Amino acid sequence: MAKTSPAEFVRQVRQETSKVVWPTRKETMVTTIMVFIMAAVMAIFFLGVDQLLSYLIKLILG
């Protein structure tokens, strides 16, 4: 594999970065809100599962 100079590396990185399609502000906000909603839903789900398992363990062990 050929050696790449630091200047060539930086030039290649800039070329590749210019090809990236960056999300719009709206896309970023919608995605962020969806992540928060899904995190809240999963937290509630695992809270319910934890409470159910806790209840069952207490029932079994007395």
N, C-alpha and C. Protein backbone atom coordinates (compact mmCIF):
# COMPACT_ATOMS: atom_id res chain seq x y z
N MET A 1 0.84 -1.17 0.00
CA MET A 1 0.00 0.00 0.00
C MET A 1 0.89 1.24 0.00
N ALA A 2 0.55 2.20 -0.82
CA ALA A 2 1.37 3.41 -0.96
C ALA A 2 1.21 4.31 0.27
N LYS A 3 2.28 4.97 0.62
CA LYS A 3 2.25 5.92 1.74
C LYS A 3 1.53 7.19 1.30
N THR A 4 0.75 7.76 2.20
CA THR A 4 0.03 8.99 1.91
C THR A 4 0.58 10.09 2.80
N SER A 5 0.91 11.21 2.21
CA SER A 5 1.44 12.32 2.99
C SER A 5 0.30 12.95 3.79
N PRO A 6 0.62 13.63 4.89
CA PRO A 6 -0.43 14.29 5.67
C PRO A 6 -1.26 15.28 4.85
N ALA A 7 -0.61 16.02 3.95
CA ALA A 7 -1.34 16.99 3.11
C ALA A 7 -2.32 16.27 2.19
N GLU A 8 -1.89 15.15 1.60
CA GLU A 8 -2.76 14.37 0.72
C GLU A 8 -3.92 13.78 1.51
N PHE A 9 -3.64 13.32 2.72
CA PHE A 9 -4.69 12.77 3.58
C PHE A 9 -5.75 13.82 3.87
N VAL A 10 -5.33 15.02 4.24
CA VAL A 10 -6.28 16.11 4.54
C VAL A 10 -7.10 16.44 3.30
N ARG A 11 -6.48 16.48 2.14
CA ARG A 11 -7.20 16.76 0.90
C ARG A 11 -8.25 15.67 0.63
N GLN A 12 -7.88 14.42 0.83
CA GLN A 12 -8.84 13.33 0.63
C GLN A 12 -10.00 13.40 1.62
N VAL A 13 -9.69 13.74 2.86
CA VAL A 13 -10.75 13.86 3.86
C VAL A 13 -11.72 14.97 3.47
N ARG A 14 -11.21 16.10 3.01
CA ARG A 14 -12.08 17.20 2.58
C ARG A 14 -12.96 16.80 1.40
N GLN A 15 -12.39 16.05 0.46
CA GLN A 15 -13.17 15.59 -0.69
C GLN A 15 -14.29 14.67 -0.24
N GLU A 16 -14.00 13.74 0.64
CA GLU A 16 -15.02 12.80 1.12
C GLU A 16 -16.08 13.52 1.96
N THR A 17 -15.66 14.48 2.77
CA THR A 17 -16.62 15.24 3.60
C THR A 17 -17.57 16.04 2.73
N SER A 18 -17.09 16.53 1.61
CA SER A 18 -17.97 17.31 0.73
C SER A 18 -19.04 16.44 0.07
N LYS A 19 -18.82 15.12 0.03
CA LYS A 19 -19.80 14.20 -0.57
C LYS A 19 -20.92 13.83 0.41
N VAL A 20 -20.72 14.12 1.69
CA VAL A 20 -21.70 13.73 2.70
C VAL A 20 -22.96 14.58 2.54
N VAL A 21 -24.11 13.92 2.62
CA VAL A 21 -25.40 14.64 2.59
C VAL A 21 -25.81 14.86 4.04
N TRP A 22 -25.68 16.09 4.50
CA TRP A 22 -25.98 16.41 5.90
C TRP A 22 -27.48 16.58 6.08
N PRO A 23 -28.02 16.12 7.23
CA PRO A 23 -29.46 16.27 7.47
C PRO A 23 -29.82 17.73 7.69
N THR A 24 -31.07 18.04 7.37
CA THR A 24 -31.56 19.40 7.60
C THR A 24 -31.86 19.57 9.08
N ARG A 25 -32.09 20.81 9.47
CA ARG A 25 -32.43 21.09 10.88
C ARG A 25 -33.72 20.37 11.26
N LYS A 26 -34.70 20.36 10.35
CA LYS A 26 -35.98 19.70 10.64
C LYS A 26 -35.78 18.19 10.83
N GLU A 27 -35.00 17.57 9.94
CA GLU A 27 -34.74 16.13 10.06
C GLU A 27 -34.05 15.81 11.38
N THR A 28 -33.12 16.65 11.78
CA THR A 28 -32.40 16.44 13.02
C THR A 28 -33.35 16.56 14.21
N MET A 29 -34.22 17.56 14.19
CA MET A 29 -35.16 17.75 15.30
C MET A 29 -36.14 16.59 15.39
N VAL A 30 -36.69 16.15 14.25
CA VAL A 30 -37.65 15.04 14.26
C VAL A 30 -36.98 13.77 14.78
N THR A 31 -35.77 13.50 14.33
CA THR A 31 -35.06 12.31 14.77
C THR A 31 -34.77 12.38 16.26
N THR A 32 -34.36 13.54 16.76
CA THR A 32 -34.07 13.70 18.17
C THR A 32 -35.32 13.47 19.01
N ILE A 33 -36.44 14.03 18.59
CA ILE A 33 -37.69 13.85 19.32
C ILE A 33 -38.09 12.37 19.33
N MET A 34 -37.94 11.70 18.20
CA MET A 34 -38.27 10.28 18.14
C MET A 34 -37.39 9.45 19.08
N VAL A 35 -36.13 9.79 19.17
CA VAL A 35 -35.23 9.08 20.09
C VAL A 35 -35.69 9.27 21.53
N PHE A 36 -36.05 10.49 21.90
CA PHE A 36 -36.52 10.74 23.26
C PHE A 36 -37.82 9.98 23.54
N ILE A 37 -38.73 9.96 22.57
CA ILE A 37 -40.00 9.23 22.75
C ILE A 37 -39.73 7.74 22.91
N MET A 38 -38.89 7.17 22.07
CA MET A 38 -38.59 5.74 22.17
C MET A 38 -37.87 5.41 23.48
N ALA A 39 -37.00 6.29 23.93
CA ALA A 39 -36.32 6.06 25.21
C ALA A 39 -37.33 6.07 26.36
N ALA A 40 -38.30 6.97 26.31
CA ALA A 40 -39.33 7.03 27.35
C ALA A 40 -40.20 5.78 27.32
N VAL A 41 -40.60 5.35 26.12
CA VAL A 41 -41.42 4.14 25.98
C VAL A 41 -40.67 2.93 26.52
N MET A 42 -39.42 2.80 26.16
CA MET A 42 -38.64 1.66 26.64
C MET A 42 -38.43 1.72 28.15
N ALA A 43 -38.24 2.90 28.71
CA ALA A 43 -38.08 3.04 30.15
C ALA A 43 -39.35 2.60 30.87
N ILE A 44 -40.50 3.00 30.36
CA ILE A 44 -41.77 2.59 30.97
C ILE A 44 -41.96 1.08 30.84
N PHE A 45 -41.63 0.52 29.68
CA PHE A 45 -41.74 -0.92 29.47
C PHE A 45 -40.87 -1.68 30.47
N PHE A 46 -39.61 -1.30 30.59
CA PHE A 46 -38.72 -2.02 31.50
C PHE A 46 -39.09 -1.79 32.96
N LEU A 47 -39.65 -0.64 33.27
CA LEU A 47 -40.16 -0.42 34.63
C LEU A 47 -41.28 -1.41 34.92
N GLY A 48 -42.19 -1.59 33.97
CA GLY A 48 -43.28 -2.54 34.14
C GLY A 48 -42.79 -3.97 34.28
N VAL A 49 -41.85 -4.36 33.43
CA VAL A 49 -41.29 -5.72 33.51
C VAL A 49 -40.59 -5.91 34.84
N ASP A 50 -39.84 -4.93 35.29
CA ASP A 50 -39.13 -5.02 36.56
C ASP A 50 -40.11 -5.14 37.72
N GLN A 51 -41.18 -4.37 37.69
CA GLN A 51 -42.18 -4.44 38.75
C GLN A 51 -42.87 -5.81 38.76
N LEU A 52 -43.19 -6.33 37.59
CA LEU A 52 -43.83 -7.64 37.49
C LEU A 52 -42.91 -8.73 38.02
N LEU A 53 -41.65 -8.73 37.60
CA LEU A 53 -40.70 -9.73 38.09
C LEU A 53 -40.48 -9.60 39.59
N SER A 54 -40.42 -8.40 40.09
CA SER A 54 -40.26 -8.17 41.51
C SER A 54 -41.45 -8.75 42.28
N TYR A 55 -42.64 -8.51 41.77
CA TYR A 55 -43.85 -9.03 42.40
C TYR A 55 -43.84 -10.57 42.41
N LEU A 56 -43.46 -11.18 41.28
CA LEU A 56 -43.42 -12.63 41.18
C LEU A 56 -42.37 -13.24 42.13
N ILE A 57 -41.22 -12.61 42.23
CA ILE A 57 -40.17 -13.10 43.13
C ILE A 57 -40.64 -13.02 44.57
N LYS A 58 -41.27 -11.91 44.96
CA LYS A 58 -41.78 -11.77 46.33
C LYS A 58 -42.87 -12.80 46.59
N LEU A 59 -43.69 -13.09 45.60
CA LEU A 59 -44.76 -14.08 45.74
C LEU A 59 -44.17 -15.48 45.95
N ILE A 60 -43.12 -15.80 45.20
CA ILE A 60 -42.50 -17.13 45.29
C ILE A 60 -41.73 -17.29 46.60
N LEU A 61 -40.94 -16.28 46.97
CA LEU A 61 -40.08 -16.38 48.14
C LEU A 61 -40.81 -16.03 49.45
N GLY A 62 -41.96 -15.47 49.33
CA GLY A 62 -42.75 -15.18 50.52
C GLY A 62 -42.37 -13.88 51.11
